[in-house]
Amino acid sequence: MLVLSVLALGAVVFYASQNASGRIGGEIAPQKMLWLLYAIVLWGVLPLAIVLDRRADALLRKAFAVLLLLMLPRLPIELWMLYVTHNWSPWYGIAHDVACFLPLAAFVALCWQRQSWRAAPNGWLFTHLVVTAMAFVPEVYFAHFMLRHFNTAGEAAIYFVPNDPRYAEVLWVTTAVVVLLSIYLPLFLKGYFFGPAGSKRTLQQ
């Protein structure tokens, strides 16, 4: 929860600085900022917490470990391409999204076959694995939208969608995704960390 609070504060600072200073990448709409925050939580913070949780089924932990291994190189590489070499392309993001989605989908099928979701808290974790995998679908759409509407290379590159009526299509989709995640994530956190299994573990400690 401390990590999530720090991330939320960082998102506020980033949003203010990106929209006020005219930095490379352009302005960012509030719903796109929320999506960026949720993506970090879904693909970085929560997978790490799950991998370190010994209550979790081994197969589910392995699924989130694979996701972490796939996501960790993306951050430094993408930041370097965005802000140093200025040669990032949405195609790189799309290829990586697909490379993450496919093994997660395979793990979903395998966990379902082995019924890895039956014992607490693995029911929540199986649902979360499905949600985590499906989150790559709108991300591919967002990257493809950038490919069609913005120049993402060079000194004048645009990396973020601004709050502009011309981009209402992607902003509405982003809003829908953010609303769904805003409902889902508190339910997941409550059920996974503070549900019966989490309470039992706390008492034992």
N, C-alpha and C. Protein backbone atom coordinates (compact mmCIF):
# COMPACT_ATOMS: atom_id res chain seq x y z
N MET A 1 0.84 -1.20 0.00
CA MET A 1 0.00 0.00 0.00
C MET A 1 0.88 1.25 0.00
N LEU A 2 2.03 1.17 0.66
CA LEU A 2 2.96 2.30 0.66
C LEU A 2 3.48 2.55 -0.76
N VAL A 3 3.82 1.47 -1.45
CA VAL A 3 4.30 1.60 -2.84
C VAL A 3 3.23 2.23 -3.72
N LEU A 4 1.99 1.78 -3.56
CA LEU A 4 0.90 2.33 -4.35
C LEU A 4 0.71 3.82 -4.06
N SER A 5 0.85 4.21 -2.81
CA SER A 5 0.71 5.62 -2.44
C SER A 5 1.81 6.47 -3.07
N VAL A 6 3.04 5.95 -3.05
CA VAL A 6 4.17 6.66 -3.67
C VAL A 6 3.96 6.80 -5.17
N LEU A 7 3.49 5.73 -5.80
CA LEU A 7 3.21 5.77 -7.24
C LEU A 7 2.14 6.80 -7.57
N ALA A 8 1.09 6.85 -6.75
CA ALA A 8 0.02 7.83 -6.98
C ALA A 8 0.56 9.25 -6.88
N LEU A 9 1.39 9.50 -5.89
CA LEU A 9 1.99 10.83 -5.74
C LEU A 9 2.89 11.14 -6.94
N GLY A 10 3.67 10.16 -7.36
CA GLY A 10 4.52 10.35 -8.52
C GLY A 10 3.72 10.65 -9.78
N ALA A 11 2.56 10.00 -9.92
CA ALA A 11 1.71 10.24 -11.09
C ALA A 11 1.20 11.67 -11.11
N VAL A 12 0.84 12.20 -9.94
CA VAL A 12 0.37 13.58 -9.85
C VAL A 12 1.48 14.55 -10.26
N VAL A 13 2.68 14.30 -9.76
CA VAL A 13 3.83 15.16 -10.09
C VAL A 13 4.13 15.10 -11.58
N PHE A 14 4.15 13.87 -12.14
CA PHE A 14 4.43 13.70 -13.56
C PHE A 14 3.38 14.40 -14.42
N TYR A 15 2.11 14.24 -14.04
CA TYR A 15 1.02 14.86 -14.80
C TYR A 15 1.18 16.38 -14.82
N ALA A 16 1.48 16.96 -13.67
CA ALA A 16 1.63 18.42 -13.58
C ALA A 16 2.82 18.91 -14.39
N SER A 17 3.94 18.21 -14.27
CA SER A 17 5.14 18.64 -14.98
C SER A 17 5.03 18.44 -16.48
N GLN A 18 4.43 17.33 -16.90
CA GLN A 18 4.30 17.06 -18.33
C GLN A 18 3.39 18.06 -19.02
N ASN A 19 2.37 18.52 -18.33
CA ASN A 19 1.41 19.45 -18.94
C ASN A 19 1.81 20.90 -18.77
N ALA A 20 2.78 21.19 -17.91
CA ALA A 20 3.12 22.58 -17.64
C ALA A 20 4.42 23.03 -18.30
N SER A 21 5.31 22.11 -18.58
CA SER A 21 6.65 22.51 -19.01
C SER A 21 6.91 22.35 -20.49
N GLY A 22 5.97 21.80 -21.22
CA GLY A 22 6.19 21.59 -22.65
C GLY A 22 7.29 20.59 -22.93
N ARG A 23 7.41 19.58 -22.09
CA ARG A 23 8.45 18.58 -22.27
C ARG A 23 8.19 17.75 -23.52
N ILE A 24 9.24 17.09 -23.98
CA ILE A 24 9.09 16.20 -25.12
C ILE A 24 8.07 15.13 -24.80
N GLY A 25 7.26 14.81 -25.75
CA GLY A 25 6.18 13.85 -25.55
C GLY A 25 4.81 14.49 -25.54
N GLY A 26 4.77 15.80 -25.26
CA GLY A 26 3.50 16.51 -25.30
C GLY A 26 2.68 16.36 -24.04
N GLU A 27 1.54 17.02 -24.03
CA GLU A 27 0.64 16.97 -22.88
C GLU A 27 -0.04 15.61 -22.78
N ILE A 28 -0.49 15.30 -21.59
CA ILE A 28 -1.15 14.02 -21.35
C ILE A 28 -2.51 14.25 -20.71
N ALA A 29 -3.54 13.58 -21.22
CA ALA A 29 -4.89 13.68 -20.67
C ALA A 29 -4.94 12.98 -19.31
N PRO A 30 -5.83 13.41 -18.42
CA PRO A 30 -5.88 12.79 -17.09
C PRO A 30 -6.19 11.30 -17.12
N GLN A 31 -7.09 10.88 -18.02
CA GLN A 31 -7.41 9.45 -18.08
C GLN A 31 -6.23 8.63 -18.62
N LYS A 32 -5.41 9.24 -19.49
CA LYS A 32 -4.22 8.53 -19.96
C LYS A 32 -3.18 8.42 -18.84
N MET A 33 -3.12 9.44 -17.97
CA MET A 33 -2.21 9.38 -16.83
C MET A 33 -2.64 8.26 -15.87
N LEU A 34 -3.95 8.14 -15.66
CA LEU A 34 -4.45 7.07 -14.80
C LEU A 34 -4.16 5.70 -15.41
N TRP A 35 -4.32 5.57 -16.72
CA TRP A 35 -4.01 4.31 -17.37
C TRP A 35 -2.54 3.96 -17.21
N LEU A 36 -1.65 4.94 -17.35
CA LEU A 36 -0.23 4.71 -17.17
C LEU A 36 0.06 4.23 -15.75
N LEU A 37 -0.58 4.85 -14.77
CA LEU A 37 -0.41 4.44 -13.37
C LEU A 37 -0.90 3.00 -13.17
N TYR A 38 -2.08 2.69 -13.69
CA TYR A 38 -2.63 1.35 -13.53
C TYR A 38 -1.76 0.31 -14.24
N ALA A 39 -1.20 0.66 -15.39
CA ALA A 39 -0.34 -0.28 -16.11
C ALA A 39 0.89 -0.63 -15.29
N ILE A 40 1.48 0.37 -14.63
CA ILE A 40 2.64 0.11 -13.77
C ILE A 40 2.26 -0.81 -12.62
N VAL A 41 1.09 -0.57 -12.05
CA VAL A 41 0.62 -1.40 -10.94
C VAL A 41 0.35 -2.83 -11.42
N LEU A 42 -0.35 -2.96 -12.55
CA LEU A 42 -0.73 -4.28 -13.06
C LEU A 42 0.46 -5.10 -13.51
N TRP A 43 1.42 -4.47 -14.16
CA TRP A 43 2.50 -5.21 -14.81
C TRP A 43 3.83 -5.13 -14.07
N GLY A 44 3.87 -4.42 -12.93
CA GLY A 44 5.10 -4.33 -12.19
C GLY A 44 4.94 -4.58 -10.71
N VAL A 45 4.13 -3.75 -10.06
CA VAL A 45 4.03 -3.80 -8.60
C VAL A 45 3.34 -5.08 -8.12
N LEU A 46 2.14 -5.34 -8.63
CA LEU A 46 1.40 -6.51 -8.15
C LEU A 46 2.05 -7.84 -8.54
N PRO A 47 2.60 -7.98 -9.75
CA PRO A 47 3.31 -9.23 -10.04
C PRO A 47 4.45 -9.51 -9.06
N LEU A 48 5.19 -8.48 -8.68
CA LEU A 48 6.28 -8.68 -7.73
C LEU A 48 5.74 -9.14 -6.37
N ALA A 49 4.65 -8.51 -5.92
CA ALA A 49 4.05 -8.90 -4.64
C ALA A 49 3.57 -10.34 -4.68
N ILE A 50 3.00 -10.74 -5.80
CA ILE A 50 2.46 -12.11 -5.92
C ILE A 50 3.59 -13.13 -5.97
N VAL A 51 4.64 -12.82 -6.71
CA VAL A 51 5.79 -13.74 -6.80
C VAL A 51 6.40 -13.98 -5.43
N LEU A 52 6.39 -12.97 -4.58
CA LEU A 52 6.99 -13.10 -3.24
C LEU A 52 6.04 -13.70 -2.21
N ASP A 53 4.80 -13.97 -2.60
CA ASP A 53 3.79 -14.46 -1.67
C ASP A 53 3.78 -15.99 -1.67
N ARG A 54 4.18 -16.60 -0.58
CA ARG A 54 4.26 -18.07 -0.51
C ARG A 54 2.90 -18.73 -0.42
N ARG A 55 1.84 -17.95 -0.16
CA ARG A 55 0.50 -18.54 -0.15
C ARG A 55 0.05 -18.92 -1.55
N ALA A 56 0.61 -18.25 -2.54
CA ALA A 56 0.15 -18.40 -3.92
C ALA A 56 0.56 -19.75 -4.51
N ASP A 57 -0.30 -20.29 -5.35
CA ASP A 57 0.00 -21.51 -6.08
C ASP A 57 1.27 -21.32 -6.92
N ALA A 58 2.10 -22.34 -6.98
CA ALA A 58 3.39 -22.24 -7.66
C ALA A 58 3.24 -21.88 -9.13
N LEU A 59 2.22 -22.43 -9.78
CA LEU A 59 2.03 -22.15 -11.20
C LEU A 59 1.61 -20.70 -11.42
N LEU A 60 0.77 -20.17 -10.55
CA LEU A 60 0.37 -18.77 -10.65
C LEU A 60 1.55 -17.85 -10.38
N ARG A 61 2.36 -18.20 -9.40
CA ARG A 61 3.56 -17.40 -9.13
C ARG A 61 4.50 -17.42 -10.34
N LYS A 62 4.61 -18.57 -10.99
CA LYS A 62 5.46 -18.67 -12.16
C LYS A 62 4.94 -17.79 -13.29
N ALA A 63 3.62 -17.72 -13.46
CA ALA A 63 3.04 -16.88 -14.50
C ALA A 63 3.40 -15.41 -14.30
N PHE A 64 3.27 -14.94 -13.06
CA PHE A 64 3.59 -13.54 -12.80
C PHE A 64 5.10 -13.29 -12.82
N ALA A 65 5.89 -14.32 -12.51
CA ALA A 65 7.35 -14.19 -12.62
C ALA A 65 7.76 -14.01 -14.07
N VAL A 66 7.13 -14.78 -14.97
CA VAL A 66 7.41 -14.63 -16.40
C VAL A 66 7.07 -13.23 -16.87
N LEU A 67 5.93 -12.71 -16.40
CA LEU A 67 5.54 -11.35 -16.77
C LEU A 67 6.59 -10.35 -16.29
N LEU A 68 7.06 -10.50 -15.07
CA LEU A 68 8.09 -9.59 -14.55
C LEU A 68 9.35 -9.65 -15.40
N LEU A 69 9.78 -10.85 -15.76
CA LEU A 69 10.99 -11.00 -16.57
C LEU A 69 10.82 -10.34 -17.94
N LEU A 70 9.61 -10.38 -18.46
CA LEU A 70 9.35 -9.76 -19.76
C LEU A 70 9.24 -8.24 -19.66
N MET A 71 8.72 -7.74 -18.53
CA MET A 71 8.49 -6.31 -18.39
C MET A 71 9.72 -5.54 -17.93
N LEU A 72 10.58 -6.16 -17.13
CA LEU A 72 11.71 -5.44 -16.55
C LEU A 72 12.63 -4.80 -17.60
N PRO A 73 12.97 -5.49 -18.69
CA PRO A 73 13.84 -4.83 -19.68
C PRO A 73 13.14 -3.67 -20.40
N ARG A 74 11.81 -3.69 -20.44
CA ARG A 74 11.09 -2.69 -21.23
C ARG A 74 11.29 -1.28 -20.68
N LEU A 75 11.28 -1.15 -19.36
CA LEU A 75 11.35 0.18 -18.76
C LEU A 75 12.62 0.94 -19.16
N PRO A 76 13.82 0.40 -18.90
CA PRO A 76 15.01 1.17 -19.28
C PRO A 76 15.16 1.34 -20.79
N ILE A 77 14.81 0.30 -21.55
CA ILE A 77 14.95 0.39 -23.01
C ILE A 77 14.01 1.45 -23.58
N GLU A 78 12.75 1.42 -23.13
CA GLU A 78 11.77 2.36 -23.66
C GLU A 78 12.09 3.79 -23.23
N LEU A 79 12.50 3.98 -21.99
CA LEU A 79 12.86 5.32 -21.53
C LEU A 79 14.05 5.86 -22.32
N TRP A 80 15.01 5.02 -22.60
CA TRP A 80 16.18 5.44 -23.38
C TRP A 80 15.77 5.86 -24.79
N MET A 81 14.89 5.08 -25.41
CA MET A 81 14.45 5.39 -26.76
C MET A 81 13.56 6.64 -26.79
N LEU A 82 12.77 6.83 -25.74
CA LEU A 82 11.87 7.98 -25.70
C LEU A 82 12.62 9.29 -25.48
N TYR A 83 13.54 9.28 -24.52
CA TYR A 83 14.10 10.55 -24.05
C TYR A 83 15.57 10.78 -24.40
N VAL A 84 16.24 9.76 -24.96
CA VAL A 84 17.64 9.93 -25.32
C VAL A 84 17.82 9.84 -26.84
N THR A 85 17.46 8.71 -27.42
CA THR A 85 17.66 8.54 -28.85
C THR A 85 16.47 9.02 -29.69
N HIS A 86 15.32 9.20 -29.05
CA HIS A 86 14.10 9.70 -29.72
C HIS A 86 13.73 8.87 -30.95
N ASN A 87 13.84 7.58 -30.84
CA ASN A 87 13.51 6.71 -31.98
C ASN A 87 12.52 5.61 -31.61
N TRP A 88 11.69 5.89 -30.60
CA TRP A 88 10.69 4.90 -30.20
C TRP A 88 9.58 4.81 -31.24
N SER A 89 9.07 3.61 -31.44
CA SER A 89 7.95 3.39 -32.36
C SER A 89 6.87 2.58 -31.66
N PRO A 90 5.59 2.90 -31.88
CA PRO A 90 4.52 2.09 -31.30
C PRO A 90 4.60 0.63 -31.69
N TRP A 91 5.24 0.34 -32.82
CA TRP A 91 5.36 -1.06 -33.22
C TRP A 91 6.16 -1.87 -32.20
N TYR A 92 7.17 -1.23 -31.58
CA TYR A 92 7.94 -1.92 -30.55
C TYR A 92 7.04 -2.28 -29.37
N GLY A 93 6.21 -1.33 -28.99
CA GLY A 93 5.29 -1.57 -27.88
C GLY A 93 4.29 -2.67 -28.21
N ILE A 94 3.75 -2.64 -29.42
CA ILE A 94 2.78 -3.65 -29.82
C ILE A 94 3.41 -5.04 -29.82
N ALA A 95 4.63 -5.16 -30.36
CA ALA A 95 5.31 -6.46 -30.39
C ALA A 95 5.54 -6.97 -28.97
N HIS A 96 5.94 -6.08 -28.08
CA HIS A 96 6.18 -6.50 -26.70
C HIS A 96 4.89 -6.87 -26.00
N ASP A 97 3.82 -6.13 -26.26
CA ASP A 97 2.52 -6.44 -25.66
C ASP A 97 2.06 -7.84 -26.06
N VAL A 98 2.20 -8.16 -27.34
CA VAL A 98 1.82 -9.49 -27.81
C VAL A 98 2.70 -10.56 -27.18
N ALA A 99 4.01 -10.25 -27.06
CA ALA A 99 4.94 -11.20 -26.45
C ALA A 99 4.62 -11.46 -24.98
N CYS A 100 3.98 -10.50 -24.32
CA CYS A 100 3.57 -10.69 -22.93
C CYS A 100 2.22 -11.40 -22.84
N PHE A 101 1.32 -11.04 -23.74
CA PHE A 101 -0.04 -11.60 -23.69
C PHE A 101 -0.04 -13.10 -23.95
N LEU A 102 0.73 -13.55 -24.92
CA LEU A 102 0.66 -14.96 -25.33
C LEU A 102 1.07 -15.92 -24.21
N PRO A 103 2.18 -15.72 -23.52
CA PRO A 103 2.49 -16.66 -22.42
C PRO A 103 1.51 -16.56 -21.26
N LEU A 104 0.98 -15.35 -21.00
CA LEU A 104 -0.01 -15.23 -19.93
C LEU A 104 -1.28 -15.99 -20.29
N ALA A 105 -1.70 -15.90 -21.55
CA ALA A 105 -2.87 -16.65 -21.99
C ALA A 105 -2.64 -18.15 -21.86
N ALA A 106 -1.43 -18.59 -22.16
CA ALA A 106 -1.09 -20.01 -22.01
C ALA A 106 -1.15 -20.42 -20.54
N PHE A 107 -0.66 -19.55 -19.65
CA PHE A 107 -0.72 -19.85 -18.22
C PHE A 107 -2.16 -19.88 -17.72
N VAL A 108 -3.01 -19.01 -18.25
CA VAL A 108 -4.43 -19.03 -17.88
C VAL A 108 -5.03 -20.38 -18.21
N ALA A 109 -4.77 -20.87 -19.43
CA ALA A 109 -5.31 -22.17 -19.84
C ALA A 109 -4.76 -23.30 -18.97
N LEU A 110 -3.46 -23.24 -18.67
CA LEU A 110 -2.83 -24.29 -17.88
C LEU A 110 -3.35 -24.28 -16.44
N CYS A 111 -3.49 -23.08 -15.86
CA CYS A 111 -4.01 -22.98 -14.49
C CYS A 111 -5.45 -23.46 -14.41
N TRP A 112 -6.23 -23.18 -15.42
CA TRP A 112 -7.61 -23.65 -15.45
C TRP A 112 -7.65 -25.17 -15.54
N GLN A 113 -6.78 -25.73 -16.37
CA GLN A 113 -6.74 -27.19 -16.53
C GLN A 113 -6.33 -27.87 -15.24
N ARG A 114 -5.38 -27.30 -14.54
CA ARG A 114 -4.87 -27.92 -13.29
C ARG A 114 -5.65 -27.47 -12.07
N GLN A 115 -6.65 -26.60 -12.28
CA GLN A 115 -7.49 -26.09 -11.19
C GLN A 115 -6.65 -25.43 -10.11
N SER A 116 -5.69 -24.63 -10.55
CA SER A 116 -4.81 -23.93 -9.62
C SER A 116 -5.52 -22.82 -8.86
N TRP A 117 -6.74 -22.54 -9.25
CA TRP A 117 -7.48 -21.42 -8.68
C TRP A 117 -8.36 -21.84 -7.50
N ARG A 118 -8.38 -23.11 -7.11
CA ARG A 118 -9.36 -23.58 -6.14
C ARG A 118 -9.09 -23.10 -4.71
N ALA A 119 -7.87 -23.21 -4.22
CA ALA A 119 -7.57 -22.87 -2.82
C ALA A 119 -7.33 -21.38 -2.66
N ALA A 120 -7.79 -20.80 -1.55
CA ALA A 120 -7.54 -19.39 -1.27
C ALA A 120 -6.04 -19.17 -1.04
N PRO A 121 -5.49 -18.02 -1.54
CA PRO A 121 -6.17 -16.93 -2.24
C PRO A 121 -6.08 -17.05 -3.75
N ASN A 122 -5.92 -18.28 -4.25
CA ASN A 122 -5.63 -18.48 -5.66
C ASN A 122 -6.80 -18.18 -6.59
N GLY A 123 -8.03 -18.18 -6.05
CA GLY A 123 -9.15 -17.76 -6.88
C GLY A 123 -9.01 -16.32 -7.31
N TRP A 124 -8.62 -15.46 -6.35
CA TRP A 124 -8.37 -14.06 -6.68
C TRP A 124 -7.20 -13.93 -7.66
N LEU A 125 -6.17 -14.72 -7.44
CA LEU A 125 -4.98 -14.62 -8.29
C LEU A 125 -5.26 -15.10 -9.71
N PHE A 126 -6.07 -16.13 -9.86
CA PHE A 126 -6.42 -16.59 -11.20
C PHE A 126 -7.21 -15.51 -11.93
N THR A 127 -8.19 -14.91 -11.25
CA THR A 127 -8.95 -13.81 -11.85
C THR A 127 -8.01 -12.67 -12.23
N HIS A 128 -7.06 -12.39 -11.35
CA HIS A 128 -6.14 -11.30 -11.61
C HIS A 128 -5.23 -11.61 -12.79
N LEU A 129 -4.86 -12.86 -12.94
CA LEU A 129 -4.04 -13.26 -14.10
C LEU A 129 -4.80 -13.01 -15.39
N VAL A 130 -6.08 -13.33 -15.40
CA VAL A 130 -6.91 -13.07 -16.58
C VAL A 130 -6.99 -11.58 -16.87
N VAL A 131 -7.26 -10.78 -15.84
CA VAL A 131 -7.35 -9.33 -16.00
C VAL A 131 -6.02 -8.75 -16.48
N THR A 132 -4.93 -9.22 -15.89
CA THR A 132 -3.60 -8.74 -16.26
C THR A 132 -3.31 -9.02 -17.73
N ALA A 133 -3.66 -10.21 -18.18
CA ALA A 133 -3.45 -10.56 -19.59
C ALA A 133 -4.32 -9.71 -20.50
N MET A 134 -5.60 -9.57 -20.14
CA MET A 134 -6.53 -8.83 -20.99
C MET A 134 -6.19 -7.35 -21.07
N ALA A 135 -5.47 -6.82 -20.07
CA ALA A 135 -5.10 -5.41 -20.10
C ALA A 135 -4.17 -5.08 -21.26
N PHE A 136 -3.52 -6.10 -21.82
CA PHE A 136 -2.66 -5.84 -22.98
C PHE A 136 -3.47 -5.57 -24.24
N VAL A 137 -4.74 -5.96 -24.26
CA VAL A 137 -5.57 -5.73 -25.45
C VAL A 137 -5.80 -4.24 -25.68
N PRO A 138 -6.31 -3.48 -24.70
CA PRO A 138 -6.43 -2.04 -24.93
C PRO A 138 -5.09 -1.36 -25.14
N GLU A 139 -4.03 -1.88 -24.51
CA GLU A 139 -2.72 -1.27 -24.70
C GLU A 139 -2.27 -1.37 -26.16
N VAL A 140 -2.56 -2.49 -26.82
CA VAL A 140 -2.25 -2.63 -28.25
C VAL A 140 -3.06 -1.62 -29.05
N TYR A 141 -4.34 -1.45 -28.69
CA TYR A 141 -5.17 -0.46 -29.38
C TYR A 141 -4.61 0.94 -29.19
N PHE A 142 -4.20 1.27 -27.97
CA PHE A 142 -3.66 2.60 -27.70
C PHE A 142 -2.40 2.85 -28.52
N ALA A 143 -1.53 1.85 -28.59
CA ALA A 143 -0.29 2.01 -29.36
C ALA A 143 -0.59 2.17 -30.85
N HIS A 144 -1.57 1.41 -31.34
CA HIS A 144 -1.93 1.52 -32.75
C HIS A 144 -2.54 2.88 -33.05
N PHE A 145 -3.29 3.43 -32.09
CA PHE A 145 -3.85 4.77 -32.26
C PHE A 145 -2.72 5.80 -32.37
N MET A 146 -1.71 5.68 -31.54
CA MET A 146 -0.55 6.57 -31.62
C MET A 146 0.12 6.46 -32.98
N LEU A 147 0.21 5.25 -33.47
CA LEU A 147 0.85 5.01 -34.77
C LEU A 147 0.11 5.73 -35.88
N ARG A 148 -1.22 5.77 -35.78
CA ARG A 148 -2.04 6.37 -36.84
C ARG A 148 -2.15 7.89 -36.75
N HIS A 149 -1.96 8.46 -35.55
CA HIS A 149 -2.28 9.87 -35.37
C HIS A 149 -1.12 10.76 -34.97
N PHE A 150 0.00 10.19 -34.53
CA PHE A 150 1.07 11.02 -34.01
C PHE A 150 2.43 10.60 -34.56
N ASN A 151 3.34 11.56 -34.59
CA ASN A 151 4.74 11.28 -34.88
C ASN A 151 5.43 10.97 -33.56
N THR A 152 5.97 9.79 -33.42
CA THR A 152 6.56 9.36 -32.14
C THR A 152 8.08 9.29 -32.20
N ALA A 153 8.70 9.92 -33.19
CA ALA A 153 10.16 9.90 -33.30
C ALA A 153 10.68 11.32 -33.53
N GLY A 154 11.90 11.56 -33.11
CA GLY A 154 12.53 12.85 -33.32
C GLY A 154 12.29 13.82 -32.18
N GLU A 155 12.83 15.02 -32.32
CA GLU A 155 12.77 16.01 -31.26
C GLU A 155 11.35 16.48 -30.97
N ALA A 156 10.49 16.44 -31.99
CA ALA A 156 9.10 16.89 -31.81
C ALA A 156 8.14 15.73 -31.57
N ALA A 157 8.65 14.62 -31.07
CA ALA A 157 7.84 13.41 -30.89
C ALA A 157 6.72 13.63 -29.88
N ILE A 158 5.59 12.98 -30.15
CA ILE A 158 4.45 12.98 -29.23
C ILE A 158 4.29 11.56 -28.70
N TYR A 159 4.30 11.43 -27.37
CA TYR A 159 4.19 10.11 -26.76
C TYR A 159 2.86 9.92 -26.02
N PHE A 160 2.16 11.00 -25.77
CA PHE A 160 0.95 10.93 -24.95
C PHE A 160 -0.21 11.60 -25.69
N VAL A 161 -1.41 11.12 -25.40
CA VAL A 161 -2.62 11.70 -26.00
C VAL A 161 -3.07 12.86 -25.13
N PRO A 162 -3.19 14.07 -25.70
CA PRO A 162 -3.66 15.21 -24.91
C PRO A 162 -5.17 15.20 -24.74
N ASN A 163 -5.64 16.01 -23.84
CA ASN A 163 -7.09 16.14 -23.61
C ASN A 163 -7.67 17.04 -24.68
N ASP A 164 -7.91 16.47 -25.86
CA ASP A 164 -8.32 17.23 -27.04
C ASP A 164 -9.51 16.51 -27.68
N PRO A 165 -10.58 17.24 -28.04
CA PRO A 165 -11.76 16.60 -28.66
C PRO A 165 -11.44 15.83 -29.93
N ARG A 166 -10.35 16.17 -30.59
CA ARG A 166 -9.99 15.45 -31.82
C ARG A 166 -9.67 13.98 -31.54
N TYR A 167 -9.32 13.68 -30.30
CA TYR A 167 -8.94 12.32 -29.94
C TYR A 167 -9.97 11.69 -29.01
N ALA A 168 -11.22 12.09 -29.20
CA ALA A 168 -12.30 11.62 -28.33
C ALA A 168 -12.42 10.10 -28.35
N GLU A 169 -12.18 9.49 -29.50
CA GLU A 169 -12.32 8.03 -29.62
C GLU A 169 -11.44 7.31 -28.59
N VAL A 170 -10.15 7.59 -28.62
CA VAL A 170 -9.24 6.88 -27.73
C VAL A 170 -9.43 7.33 -26.27
N LEU A 171 -9.83 8.57 -26.06
CA LEU A 171 -10.04 9.05 -24.70
C LEU A 171 -11.26 8.38 -24.06
N TRP A 172 -12.31 8.14 -24.86
CA TRP A 172 -13.48 7.44 -24.33
C TRP A 172 -13.14 5.99 -23.99
N VAL A 173 -12.38 5.34 -24.85
CA VAL A 173 -11.96 3.96 -24.57
C VAL A 173 -11.10 3.92 -23.32
N THR A 174 -10.17 4.86 -23.22
CA THR A 174 -9.31 4.91 -22.04
C THR A 174 -10.12 5.14 -20.77
N THR A 175 -11.11 6.03 -20.85
CA THR A 175 -11.96 6.30 -19.69
C THR A 175 -12.70 5.04 -19.27
N ALA A 176 -13.22 4.30 -20.23
CA ALA A 176 -13.94 3.06 -19.90
C ALA A 176 -13.01 2.06 -19.22
N VAL A 177 -11.80 1.91 -19.74
CA VAL A 177 -10.84 0.97 -19.14
C VAL A 177 -10.46 1.41 -17.73
N VAL A 178 -10.22 2.71 -17.56
CA VAL A 178 -9.84 3.25 -16.26
C VAL A 178 -10.96 3.06 -15.24
N VAL A 179 -12.20 3.29 -15.66
CA VAL A 179 -13.33 3.11 -14.75
C VAL A 179 -13.43 1.65 -14.31
N LEU A 180 -13.31 0.73 -15.25
CA LEU A 180 -13.39 -0.69 -14.91
C LEU A 180 -12.27 -1.10 -13.95
N LEU A 181 -11.06 -0.61 -14.20
CA LEU A 181 -9.94 -0.94 -13.32
C LEU A 181 -10.09 -0.27 -11.96
N SER A 182 -10.70 0.91 -11.94
CA SER A 182 -10.92 1.61 -10.67
C SER A 182 -11.91 0.85 -9.79
N ILE A 183 -12.80 0.10 -10.43
CA ILE A 183 -13.72 -0.75 -9.67
C ILE A 183 -13.05 -2.06 -9.29
N TYR A 184 -12.32 -2.64 -10.24
CA TYR A 184 -11.74 -3.96 -10.03
C TYR A 184 -10.60 -3.96 -9.01
N LEU A 185 -9.64 -3.04 -9.15
CA LEU A 185 -8.44 -3.10 -8.33
C LEU A 185 -8.71 -3.02 -6.82
N PRO A 186 -9.58 -2.12 -6.35
CA PRO A 186 -9.88 -2.13 -4.91
C PRO A 186 -10.50 -3.45 -4.45
N LEU A 187 -11.37 -4.02 -5.30
CA LEU A 187 -11.98 -5.31 -4.95
C LEU A 187 -10.92 -6.40 -4.87
N PHE A 188 -10.01 -6.41 -5.83
CA PHE A 188 -8.94 -7.41 -5.82
C PHE A 188 -8.04 -7.23 -4.60
N LEU A 189 -7.61 -6.00 -4.33
CA LEU A 189 -6.72 -5.75 -3.20
C LEU A 189 -7.38 -6.15 -1.89
N LYS A 190 -8.65 -5.83 -1.75
CA LYS A 190 -9.38 -6.18 -0.53
C LYS A 190 -9.49 -7.70 -0.38
N GLY A 191 -9.89 -8.37 -1.48
CA GLY A 191 -10.07 -9.81 -1.42
C GLY A 191 -8.77 -10.57 -1.25
N TYR A 192 -7.73 -10.12 -1.94
CA TYR A 192 -6.46 -10.85 -1.93
C TYR A 192 -5.65 -10.59 -0.66
N PHE A 193 -5.50 -9.32 -0.30
CA PHE A 193 -4.65 -8.98 0.83
C PHE A 193 -5.39 -9.00 2.17
N PHE A 194 -6.70 -8.73 2.14
CA PHE A 194 -7.43 -8.61 3.40
C PHE A 194 -8.58 -9.60 3.53
N GLY A 195 -8.64 -10.57 2.61
CA GLY A 195 -9.67 -11.60 2.69
C GLY A 195 -9.34 -12.61 3.77
N PRO A 196 -10.11 -13.70 3.85
CA PRO A 196 -9.91 -14.70 4.90
C PRO A 196 -8.48 -15.25 4.97
N ALA A 197 -7.90 -15.54 3.79
CA ALA A 197 -6.55 -16.10 3.80
C ALA A 197 -5.54 -15.09 4.29
N GLY A 198 -5.71 -13.82 3.87
CA GLY A 198 -4.80 -12.77 4.31
C GLY A 198 -4.93 -12.52 5.79
N SER A 199 -6.17 -12.53 6.32
CA SER A 199 -6.38 -12.33 7.75
C SER A 199 -5.76 -13.47 8.56
N LYS A 200 -5.92 -14.70 8.07
CA LYS A 200 -5.36 -15.86 8.75
C LYS A 200 -3.85 -15.76 8.82
N ARG A 201 -3.23 -15.33 7.70
CA ARG A 201 -1.78 -15.22 7.69
C ARG A 201 -1.32 -14.16 8.68
N THR A 202 -2.04 -13.04 8.75
CA THR A 202 -1.67 -11.98 9.67
C THR A 202 -1.73 -12.47 11.12
N LEU A 203 -2.77 -13.24 11.48
CA LEU A 203 -2.91 -13.78 12.83
C LEU A 203 -1.78 -14.74 13.16
N GLN A 204 -1.39 -15.56 12.17
CA GLN A 204 -0.32 -16.51 12.40
C GLN A 204 1.00 -15.81 12.63
N GLN A 205 1.22 -14.69 11.93
CA GLN A 205 2.45 -13.96 12.11
C GLN A 205 2.49 -13.26 13.47
